[in-house]
Amino acid sequence: MEDGLRISIYNDYTNIIKVIYMETTQAHLRKWGRSLGVVIPKEVLEKEGIKVNDKVEILIKKKSNPVKETFGTLKFKNSTQEMLDMVDEELWND
């Protein structure tokens, strides 16, 4: 996952589709006394308008395979446009 805006679409079992726009970034856990803490980069705080004592929601996802997450899991031989062109061609020839 790289830094930036992420769009998440999900159904929360109420048959209401929710779209969430969230800022994503990577951070390292740091030891603070007997606890662990996460430092949110200043750029993200400024972009989102987050200030001291604001409540935020944090989605925690441990990086299990950085190479797979960086380069993805699916590789296609053709570009997206080539695949769309092939589908269009098949639909028009029927």
PDB file of N, CA and C in Angstrom:
ATOM      1  N   MET A   1       0.847  -1.167   0.000  1.00  0.00           N
ATOM      2  CA  MET A   1       0.000   0.000   0.000  1.00  0.00           C
ATOM      3  C   MET A   1       0.890   1.226   0.000  1.00  0.00           C
ATOM      4  N   GLU A   2       0.619   2.133  -0.887  1.00  0.00           N
ATOM      5  CA  GLU A   2       1.399   3.346  -0.892  1.00  0.00           C
ATOM      6  C   GLU A   2       0.559   4.474  -0.332  1.00  0.00           C
ATOM      7  N   ASP A   3       1.223   5.569   0.057  1.00  0.00           N
ATOM      8  CA  ASP A   3       0.508   6.702   0.622  1.00  0.00           C
ATOM      9  C   ASP A   3      -0.455   7.273  -0.397  1.00  0.00           C
ATOM     10  N   GLY A   4      -1.562   7.806   0.062  1.00  0.00           N
ATOM     11  CA  GLY A   4      -2.507   8.444  -0.830  1.00  0.00           C
ATOM     12  C   GLY A   4      -3.935   8.193  -0.432  1.00  0.00           C
ATOM     13  N   LEU A   5      -4.838   8.564  -1.301  1.00  0.00           N
ATOM     14  CA  LEU A   5      -6.263   8.413  -1.043  1.00  0.00           C
ATOM     15  C   LEU A   5      -6.706   7.019  -1.441  1.00  0.00           C
ATOM     16  N   ARG A   6      -7.467   6.384  -0.598  1.00  0.00           N
ATOM     17  CA  ARG A   6      -7.972   5.048  -0.875  1.00  0.00           C
ATOM     18  C   ARG A   6      -9.486   5.088  -0.773  1.00  0.00           C
ATOM     19  N   ILE A   7     -10.134   4.427  -1.693  1.00  0.00           N
ATOM     20  CA  ILE A   7     -11.590   4.345  -1.683  1.00  0.00           C
ATOM     21  C   ILE A   7     -11.971   2.923  -1.326  1.00  0.00           C
ATOM     22  N   SER A   8     -12.812   2.774  -0.339  1.00  0.00           N
ATOM     23  CA  SER A   8     -13.243   1.458   0.103  1.00  0.00           C
ATOM     24  C   SER A   8     -14.755   1.376  -0.039  1.00  0.00           C
ATOM     25  N   ILE A   9     -15.229   0.337  -0.701  1.00  0.00           N
ATOM     26  CA  ILE A   9     -16.662   0.138  -0.881  1.00  0.00           C
ATOM     27  C   ILE A   9     -17.026  -1.179  -0.218  1.00  0.00           C
ATOM     28  N   TYR A  10     -18.012  -1.155   0.670  1.00  0.00           N
ATOM     29  CA  TYR A  10     -18.392  -2.394   1.336  1.00  0.00           C
ATOM     30  C   TYR A  10     -19.857  -2.372   1.725  1.00  0.00           C
ATOM     31  N   ASN A  11     -20.376  -3.550   2.002  1.00  0.00           N
ATOM     32  CA  ASN A  11     -21.746  -3.720   2.458  1.00  0.00           C
ATOM     33  C   ASN A  11     -21.663  -4.147   3.914  1.00  0.00           C
ATOM     34  N   ASP A  12     -22.294  -3.404   4.795  1.00  0.00           N
ATOM     35  CA  ASP A  12     -22.199  -3.707   6.229  1.00  0.00           C
ATOM     36  C   ASP A  12     -23.318  -4.630   6.716  1.00  0.00           C
ATOM     37  N   TYR A  13     -23.816  -5.511   5.832  1.00  0.00           N
ATOM     38  CA  TYR A  13     -24.845  -6.506   6.135  1.00  0.00           C
ATOM     39  C   TYR A  13     -26.213  -5.882   6.385  1.00  0.00           C
ATOM     40  N   THR A  14     -26.372  -4.598   6.069  1.00  0.00           N
ATOM     41  CA  THR A  14     -27.696  -3.981   6.154  1.00  0.00           C
ATOM     42  C   THR A  14     -28.196  -3.695   4.748  1.00  0.00           C
ATOM     43  N   ASN A  15     -27.481  -4.234   3.759  1.00  0.00           N
ATOM     44  CA  ASN A  15     -27.772  -4.011   2.342  1.00  0.00           C
ATOM     45  C   ASN A  15     -27.643  -2.545   1.949  1.00  0.00           C
ATOM     46  N   ILE A  16     -26.890  -1.804   2.735  1.00  0.00           N
ATOM     47  CA  ILE A  16     -26.571  -0.424   2.392  1.00  0.00           C
ATOM     48  C   ILE A  16     -25.099  -0.410   1.989  1.00  0.00           C
ATOM     49  N   ILE A  17     -24.859   0.005   0.761  1.00  0.00           N
ATOM     50  CA  ILE A  17     -23.486   0.068   0.277  1.00  0.00           C
ATOM     51  C   ILE A  17     -22.865   1.368   0.773  1.00  0.00           C
ATOM     52  N   LYS A  18     -21.721   1.265   1.403  1.00  0.00           N
ATOM     53  CA  LYS A  18     -21.045   2.449   1.925  1.00  0.00           C
ATOM     54  C   LYS A  18     -19.747   2.672   1.159  1.00  0.00           C
ATOM     55  N   VAL A  19     -19.478   3.908   0.861  1.00  0.00           N
ATOM     56  CA  VAL A  19     -18.230   4.288   0.208  1.00  0.00           C
ATOM     57  C   VAL A  19     -17.467   5.157   1.187  1.00  0.00           C
ATOM     58  N   ILE A  20     -16.243   4.769   1.470  1.00  0.00           N
ATOM     59  CA  ILE A  20     -15.426   5.516   2.418  1.00  0.00           C
ATOM     60  C   ILE A  20     -14.179   6.007   1.704  1.00  0.00           C
ATOM     61  N   TYR A  21     -13.923   7.283   1.817  1.00  0.00           N
ATOM     62  CA  TYR A  21     -12.689   7.869   1.299  1.00  0.00           C
ATOM     63  C   TYR A  21     -11.759   8.037   2.478  1.00  0.00           C
ATOM     64  N   MET A  22     -10.590   7.420   2.398  1.00  0.00           N
ATOM     65  CA  MET A  22      -9.677   7.512   3.528  1.00  0.00           C
ATOM     66  C   MET A  22      -8.262   7.755   3.045  1.00  0.00           C
ATOM     67  N   GLU A  23      -7.530   8.465   3.837  1.00  0.00           N
ATOM     68  CA  GLU A  23      -6.123   8.731   3.562  1.00  0.00           C
ATOM     69  C   GLU A  23      -5.333   7.524   4.040  1.00  0.00           C
ATOM     70  N   THR A  24      -4.407   7.048   3.228  1.00  0.00           N
ATOM     71  CA  THR A  24      -3.581   5.915   3.645  1.00  0.00           C
ATOM     72  C   THR A  24      -2.131   6.357   3.741  1.00  0.00           C
ATOM     73  N   THR A  25      -1.446   5.789   4.691  1.00  0.00           N
ATOM     74  CA  THR A  25      -0.020   6.052   4.861  1.00  0.00           C
ATOM     75  C   THR A  25       0.587   4.877   5.606  1.00  0.00           C
ATOM     76  N   GLN A  26       1.876   4.793   5.595  1.00  0.00           N
ATOM     77  CA  GLN A  26       2.559   3.743   6.339  1.00  0.00           C
ATOM     78  C   GLN A  26       3.254   4.375   7.532  1.00  0.00           C
ATOM     79  N   ALA A  27       3.299   3.633   8.634  1.00  0.00           N
ATOM     80  CA  ALA A  27       3.930   4.145   9.847  1.00  0.00           C
ATOM     81  C   ALA A  27       4.589   2.986  10.584  1.00  0.00           C
ATOM     82  N   HIS A  28       5.553   3.319  11.390  1.00  0.00           N
ATOM     83  CA  HIS A  28       6.225   2.325  12.232  1.00  0.00           C
ATOM     84  C   HIS A  28       5.698   2.464  13.656  1.00  0.00           C
ATOM     85  N   LEU A  29       5.520   1.333  14.322  1.00  0.00           N
ATOM     86  CA  LEU A  29       5.159   1.361  15.736  1.00  0.00           C
ATOM     87  C   LEU A  29       6.367   1.786  16.543  1.00  0.00           C
ATOM     88  N   ARG A  30       6.120   2.606  17.552  1.00  0.00           N
ATOM     89  CA  ARG A  30       7.196   3.049  18.441  1.00  0.00           C
ATOM     90  C   ARG A  30       6.798   2.751  19.878  1.00  0.00           C
ATOM     91  N   LYS A  31       7.781   2.437  20.682  1.00  0.00           N
ATOM     92  CA  LYS A  31       7.529   2.123  22.085  1.00  0.00           C
ATOM     93  C   LYS A  31       7.421   3.422  22.872  1.00  0.00           C
ATOM     94  N   TRP A  32       6.321   3.561  23.622  1.00  0.00           N
ATOM     95  CA  TRP A  32       6.109   4.699  24.512  1.00  0.00           C
ATOM     96  C   TRP A  32       5.797   4.133  25.888  1.00  0.00           C
ATOM     97  N   GLY A  33       6.787   4.090  26.745  1.00  0.00           N
ATOM     98  CA  GLY A  33       6.605   3.487  28.067  1.00  0.00           C
ATOM     99  C   GLY A  33       6.291   2.014  27.912  1.00  0.00           C
ATOM    100  N   ARG A  34       5.148   1.579  28.452  1.00  0.00           N
ATOM    101  CA  ARG A  34       4.743   0.177  28.312  1.00  0.00           C
ATOM    102  C   ARG A  34       3.766  -0.021  27.172  1.00  0.00           C
ATOM    103  N   SER A  35       3.581   1.005  26.361  1.00  0.00           N
ATOM    104  CA  SER A  35       2.631   0.930  25.242  1.00  0.00           C
ATOM    105  C   SER A  35       3.355   1.084  23.917  1.00  0.00           C
ATOM    106  N   LEU A  36       2.613   0.925  22.837  1.00  0.00           N
ATOM    107  CA  LEU A  36       3.120   1.191  21.506  1.00  0.00           C
ATOM    108  C   LEU A  36       2.304   2.330  20.917  1.00  0.00           C
ATOM    109  N   GLY A  37       2.945   3.143  20.091  1.00  0.00           N
ATOM    110  CA  GLY A  37       2.250   4.266  19.481  1.00  0.00           C
ATOM    111  C   GLY A  37       2.577   4.366  18.003  1.00  0.00           C
ATOM    112  N   VAL A  38       1.716   5.072  17.287  1.00  0.00           N
ATOM    113  CA  VAL A  38       1.897   5.301  15.863  1.00  0.00           C
ATOM    114  C   VAL A  38       1.992   6.803  15.650  1.00  0.00           C
ATOM    115  N   VAL A  39       2.978   7.223  14.882  1.00  0.00           N
ATOM    116  CA  VAL A  39       3.124   8.632  14.555  1.00  0.00           C
ATOM    117  C   VAL A  39       2.530   8.849  13.171  1.00  0.00           C
ATOM    118  N   ILE A  40       1.566   9.750  13.079  1.00  0.00           N
ATOM    119  CA  ILE A  40       0.934  10.067  11.795  1.00  0.00           C
ATOM    120  C   ILE A  40       1.720  11.211  11.168  1.00  0.00           C
ATOM    121  N   PRO A  41       2.151  11.058   9.912  1.00  0.00           N
ATOM    122  CA  PRO A  41       2.949  12.103   9.273  1.00  0.00           C
ATOM    123  C   PRO A  41       2.226  13.454   9.235  1.00  0.00           C
ATOM    124  N   LYS A  42       2.987  14.517   9.407  1.00  0.00           N
ATOM    125  CA  LYS A  42       2.460  15.879   9.446  1.00  0.00           C
ATOM    126  C   LYS A  42       1.669  16.213   8.186  1.00  0.00           C
ATOM    127  N   GLU A  43       2.141  15.744   7.030  1.00  0.00           N
ATOM    128  CA  GLU A  43       1.460  16.032   5.768  1.00  0.00           C
ATOM    129  C   GLU A  43       0.042  15.477   5.761  1.00  0.00           C
ATOM    130  N   VAL A  44      -0.145  14.276   6.304  1.00  0.00           N
ATOM    131  CA  VAL A  44      -1.464  13.646   6.360  1.00  0.00           C
ATOM    132  C   VAL A  44      -2.366  14.427   7.315  1.00  0.00           C
ATOM    133  N   LEU A  45      -1.819  14.819   8.458  1.00  0.00           N
ATOM    134  CA  LEU A  45      -2.603  15.585   9.426  1.00  0.00           C
ATOM    135  C   LEU A  45      -3.076  16.899   8.823  1.00  0.00           C
ATOM    136  N   GLU A  46      -2.188  17.592   8.129  1.00  0.00           N
ATOM    137  CA  GLU A  46      -2.548  18.865   7.517  1.00  0.00           C
ATOM    138  C   GLU A  46      -3.579  18.681   6.408  1.00  0.00           C
ATOM    139  N   LYS A  47      -3.376  17.665   5.567  1.00  0.00           N
ATOM    140  CA  LYS A  47      -4.287  17.414   4.459  1.00  0.00           C
ATOM    141  C   LYS A  47      -5.694  17.100   4.945  1.00  0.00           C
ATOM    142  N   GLU A  48      -5.798  16.335   6.020  1.00  0.00           N
ATOM    143  CA  GLU A  48      -7.091  15.929   6.567  1.00  0.00           C
ATOM    144  C   GLU A  48      -7.642  16.920   7.586  1.00  0.00           C
ATOM    145  N   GLY A  49      -6.846  17.922   7.952  1.00  0.00           N
ATOM    146  CA  GLY A  49      -7.307  18.910   8.935  1.00  0.00           C
ATOM    147  C   GLY A  49      -7.455  18.338  10.333  1.00  0.00           C
ATOM    148  N   ILE A  50      -6.611  17.384  10.683  1.00  0.00           N
ATOM    149  CA  ILE A  50      -6.670  16.735  11.995  1.00  0.00           C
ATOM    150  C   ILE A  50      -5.817  17.534  12.971  1.00  0.00           C
ATOM    151  N   LYS A  51      -6.398  17.808  14.143  1.00  0.00           N
ATOM    152  CA  LYS A  51      -5.707  18.597  15.164  1.00  0.00           C
ATOM    153  C   LYS A  51      -5.652  17.803  16.472  1.00  0.00           C
ATOM    154  N   VAL A  52      -4.908  18.307  17.439  1.00  0.00           N
ATOM    155  CA  VAL A  52      -4.770  17.674  18.750  1.00  0.00           C
ATOM    156  C   VAL A  52      -6.157  17.476  19.361  1.00  0.00           C
ATOM    157  N   ASN A  53      -6.370  16.326  19.939  1.00  0.00           N
ATOM    158  CA  ASN A  53      -7.602  15.917  20.615  1.00  0.00           C
ATOM    159  C   ASN A  53      -8.750  15.579  19.664  1.00  0.00           C
ATOM    160  N   ASP A  54      -8.553  15.625  18.336  1.00  0.00           N
ATOM    161  CA  ASP A  54      -9.573  15.153  17.405  1.00  0.00           C
ATOM    162  C   ASP A  54      -9.642  13.633  17.503  1.00  0.00           C
ATOM    163  N   LYS A  55     -10.828  13.087  17.350  1.00  0.00           N
ATOM    164  CA  LYS A  55     -10.977  11.632  17.322  1.00  0.00           C
ATOM    165  C   LYS A  55     -10.782  11.164  15.890  1.00  0.00           C
ATOM    166  N   VAL A  56     -10.028  10.091  15.714  1.00  0.00           N
ATOM    167  CA  VAL A  56      -9.795   9.502  14.402  1.00  0.00           C
ATOM    168  C   VAL A  56     -10.054   8.010  14.489  1.00  0.00           C
ATOM    169  N   GLU A  57     -10.357   7.411  13.355  1.00  0.00           N
ATOM    170  CA  GLU A  57     -10.529   5.965  13.281  1.00  0.00           C
ATOM    171  C   GLU A  57      -9.329   5.414  12.543  1.00  0.00           C
ATOM    172  N   ILE A  58      -8.717   4.384  13.091  1.00  0.00           N
ATOM    173  CA  ILE A  58      -7.521   3.803  12.499  1.00  0.00           C
ATOM    174  C   ILE A  58      -7.819   2.358  12.110  1.00  0.00           C
ATOM    175  N   LEU A  59      -7.583   2.027  10.854  1.00  0.00           N
ATOM    176  CA  LEU A  59      -7.702   0.660  10.364  1.00  0.00           C
ATOM    177  C   LEU A  59      -6.308   0.044  10.432  1.00  0.00           C
ATOM    178  N   ILE A  60      -6.170  -1.038  11.155  1.00  0.00           N
ATOM    179  CA  ILE A  60      -4.855  -1.646  11.350  1.00  0.00           C
ATOM    180  C   ILE A  60      -4.718  -2.843  10.421  1.00  0.00           C
ATOM    181  N   LYS A  61      -3.653  -2.845   9.638  1.00  0.00           N
ATOM    182  CA  LYS A  61      -3.372  -3.941   8.725  1.00  0.00           C
ATOM    183  C   LYS A  61      -1.876  -4.196   8.764  1.00  0.00           C
ATOM    184  N   LYS A  62      -1.503  -5.331   9.283  1.00  0.00           N
ATOM    185  CA  LYS A  62      -0.098  -5.688   9.362  1.00  0.00           C
ATOM    186  C   LYS A  62       0.396  -6.081   7.983  1.00  0.00           C
ATOM    187  N   LYS A  63       1.552  -5.573   7.609  1.00  0.00           N
ATOM    188  CA  LYS A  63       2.137  -5.933   6.318  1.00  0.00           C
ATOM    189  C   LYS A  63       2.732  -7.328   6.449  1.00  0.00           C
ATOM    190  N   SER A  64       2.133  -8.278   5.733  1.00  0.00           N
ATOM    191  CA  SER A  64       2.602  -9.653   5.839  1.00  0.00           C
ATOM    192  C   SER A  64       3.606 -10.002   4.750  1.00  0.00           C
ATOM    193  N   ASN A  65       3.393  -9.498   3.547  1.00  0.00           N
ATOM    194  CA  ASN A  65       4.312  -9.768   2.451  1.00  0.00           C
ATOM    195  C   ASN A  65       4.493  -8.468   1.668  1.00  0.00           C
ATOM    196  N   PRO A  66       5.467  -7.640   2.054  1.00  0.00           N
ATOM    197  CA  PRO A  66       5.641  -6.338   1.421  1.00  0.00           C
ATOM    198  C   PRO A  66       5.824  -6.406  -0.091  1.00  0.00           C
ATOM    199  N   VAL A  67       6.483  -7.435  -0.602  1.00  0.00           N
ATOM    200  CA  VAL A  67       6.705  -7.534  -2.047  1.00  0.00           C
ATOM    201  C   VAL A  67       5.375  -7.735  -2.762  1.00  0.00           C
ATOM    202  N   LYS A  68       4.550  -8.660  -2.252  1.00  0.00           N
ATOM    203  CA  LYS A  68       3.247  -8.928  -2.867  1.00  0.00           C
ATOM    204  C   LYS A  68       2.352  -7.686  -2.772  1.00  0.00           C
ATOM    205  N   GLU A  69       2.366  -7.012  -1.633  1.00  0.00           N
ATOM    206  CA  GLU A  69       1.531  -5.832  -1.456  1.00  0.00           C
ATOM    207  C   GLU A  69       2.006  -4.667  -2.323  1.00  0.00           C
ATOM    208  N   THR A  70       3.294  -4.588  -2.559  1.00  0.00           N
ATOM    209  CA  THR A  70       3.827  -3.501  -3.384  1.00  0.00           C
ATOM    210  C   THR A  70       3.524  -3.722  -4.850  1.00  0.00           C
ATOM    211  N   PHE A  71       3.704  -4.950  -5.325  1.00  0.00           N
ATOM    212  CA  PHE A  71       3.561  -5.229  -6.754  1.00  0.00           C
ATOM    213  C   PHE A  71       2.254  -5.907  -7.124  1.00  0.00           C
ATOM    214  N   GLY A  72       1.422  -6.238  -6.170  1.00  0.00           N
ATOM    215  CA  GLY A  72       0.122  -6.837  -6.463  1.00  0.00           C
ATOM    216  C   GLY A  72       0.203  -8.337  -6.649  1.00  0.00           C
ATOM    217  N   THR A  73      -0.971  -8.940  -6.785  1.00  0.00           N
ATOM    218  CA  THR A  73      -1.034 -10.394  -6.915  1.00  0.00           C
ATOM    219  C   THR A  73      -1.439 -10.835  -8.307  1.00  0.00           C
ATOM    220  N   LEU A  74      -2.108  -9.963  -9.048  1.00  0.00           N
ATOM    221  CA  LEU A  74      -2.570 -10.338 -10.377  1.00  0.00           C
ATOM    222  C   LEU A  74      -1.728  -9.665 -11.447  1.00  0.00           C
ATOM    223  N   LYS A  75      -1.290 -10.453 -12.385  1.00  0.00           N
ATOM    224  CA  LYS A  75      -0.536  -9.923 -13.523  1.00  0.00           C
ATOM    225  C   LYS A  75      -1.252 -10.331 -14.798  1.00  0.00           C
ATOM    226  N   PHE A  76      -1.476  -9.386 -15.682  1.00  0.00           N
ATOM    227  CA  PHE A  76      -2.147  -9.667 -16.931  1.00  0.00           C
ATOM    228  C   PHE A  76      -1.193  -9.490 -18.097  1.00  0.00           C
ATOM    229  N   LYS A  77      -1.374 -10.343 -19.095  1.00  0.00           N
ATOM    230  CA  LYS A  77      -0.533 -10.284 -20.291  1.00  0.00           C
ATOM    231  C   LYS A  77      -0.893  -9.064 -21.131  1.00  0.00           C
ATOM    232  N   ASN A  78      -2.182  -8.714 -21.169  1.00  0.00           N
ATOM    233  CA  ASN A  78      -2.660  -7.592 -21.971  1.00  0.00           C
ATOM    234  C   ASN A  78      -2.964  -6.393 -21.075  1.00  0.00           C
ATOM    235  N   SER A  79      -2.902  -5.210 -21.665  1.00  0.00           N
ATOM    236  CA  SER A  79      -3.258  -4.008 -20.913  1.00  0.00           C
ATOM    237  C   SER A  79      -4.768  -3.971 -20.721  1.00  0.00           C
ATOM    238  N   THR A  80      -5.214  -3.136 -19.813  1.00  0.00           N
ATOM    239  CA  THR A  80      -6.643  -3.004 -19.556  1.00  0.00           C
ATOM    240  C   THR A  80      -7.378  -2.594 -20.824  1.00  0.00           C
ATOM    241  N   GLN A  81      -6.825  -1.641 -21.569  1.00  0.00           N
ATOM    242  CA  GLN A  81      -7.484  -1.174 -22.787  1.00  0.00           C
ATOM    243  C   GLN A  81      -7.584  -2.291 -23.814  1.00  0.00           C
ATOM    244  N   GLU A  82      -6.535  -3.118 -23.941  1.00  0.00           N
ATOM    245  CA  GLU A  82      -6.575  -4.243 -24.882  1.00  0.00           C
ATOM    246  C   GLU A  82      -7.674  -5.232 -24.498  1.00  0.00           C
ATOM    247  N   MET A  83      -7.817  -5.501 -23.200  1.00  0.00           N
ATOM    248  CA  MET A  83      -8.860  -6.422 -22.759  1.00  0.00           C
ATOM    249  C   MET A  83     -10.247  -5.842 -23.027  1.00  0.00           C
ATOM    250  N   LEU A  84     -10.437  -4.541 -22.772  1.00  0.00           N
ATOM    251  CA  LEU A  84     -11.726  -3.911 -23.057  1.00  0.00           C
ATOM    252  C   LEU A  84     -12.039  -3.943 -24.541  1.00  0.00           C
ATOM    253  N   ASP A  85     -11.029  -3.712 -25.378  1.00  0.00           N
ATOM    254  CA  ASP A  85     -11.225  -3.770 -26.826  1.00  0.00           C
ATOM    255  C   ASP A  85     -11.643  -5.170 -27.274  1.00  0.00           C
ATOM    256  N   MET A  86     -11.022  -6.216 -26.683  1.00  0.00           N
ATOM    257  CA  MET A  86     -11.386  -7.588 -27.028  1.00  0.00           C
ATOM    258  C   MET A  86     -12.827  -7.896 -26.639  1.00  0.00           C
ATOM    259  N   VAL A  87     -13.252  -7.428 -25.467  1.00  0.00           N
ATOM    260  CA  VAL A  87     -14.630  -7.657 -25.027  1.00  0.00           C
ATOM    261  C   VAL A  87     -15.591  -6.937 -25.963  1.00  0.00           C
ATOM    262  N   ASP A  88     -15.286  -5.692 -26.302  1.00  0.00           N
ATOM    263  CA  ASP A  88     -16.143  -4.942 -27.239  1.00  0.00           C
ATOM    264  C   ASP A  88     -16.255  -5.669 -28.579  1.00  0.00           C
ATOM    265  N   GLU A  89     -15.132  -6.172 -29.072  1.00  0.00           N
ATOM    266  CA  GLU A  89     -15.110  -6.865 -30.361  1.00  0.00           C
ATOM    267  C   GLU A  89     -15.990  -8.122 -30.298  1.00  0.00           C
ATOM    268  N   GLU A  90     -15.881  -8.875 -29.191  1.00  0.00           N
ATOM    269  CA  GLU A  90     -16.679 -10.094 -29.051  1.00  0.00           C
ATOM    270  C   GLU A  90     -18.164  -9.762 -28.955  1.00  0.00           C
ATOM    271  N   LEU A  91     -18.503  -8.704 -28.256  1.00  0.00           N
ATOM    272  CA  LEU A  91     -19.913  -8.320 -28.109  1.00  0.00           C
ATOM    273  C   LEU A  91     -20.497  -7.846 -29.435  1.00  0.00           C
ATOM    274  N   TRP A  92     -19.738  -7.125 -30.223  1.00  0.00           N
ATOM    275  CA  TRP A  92     -20.228  -6.601 -31.492  1.00  0.00           C
ATOM    276  C   TRP A  92     -20.331  -7.694 -32.556  1.00  0.00           C
ATOM    277  N   ASN A  93     -19.548  -8.762 -32.423  1.00  0.00           N
ATOM    278  CA  ASN A  93     -19.568  -9.826 -33.430  1.00  0.00           C
ATOM    279  C   ASN A  93     -20.685 -10.854 -33.196  1.00  0.00           C
ATOM    280  N   ASP A  94     -21.384 -10.775 -32.084  1.00  0.00           N
ATOM    281  CA  ASP A  94     -22.464 -11.742 -31.797  1.00  0.00           C
ATOM    282  C   ASP A  94     -23.723 -11.410 -32.506  1.00  0.00           C
TER     283      ASP A  94
END
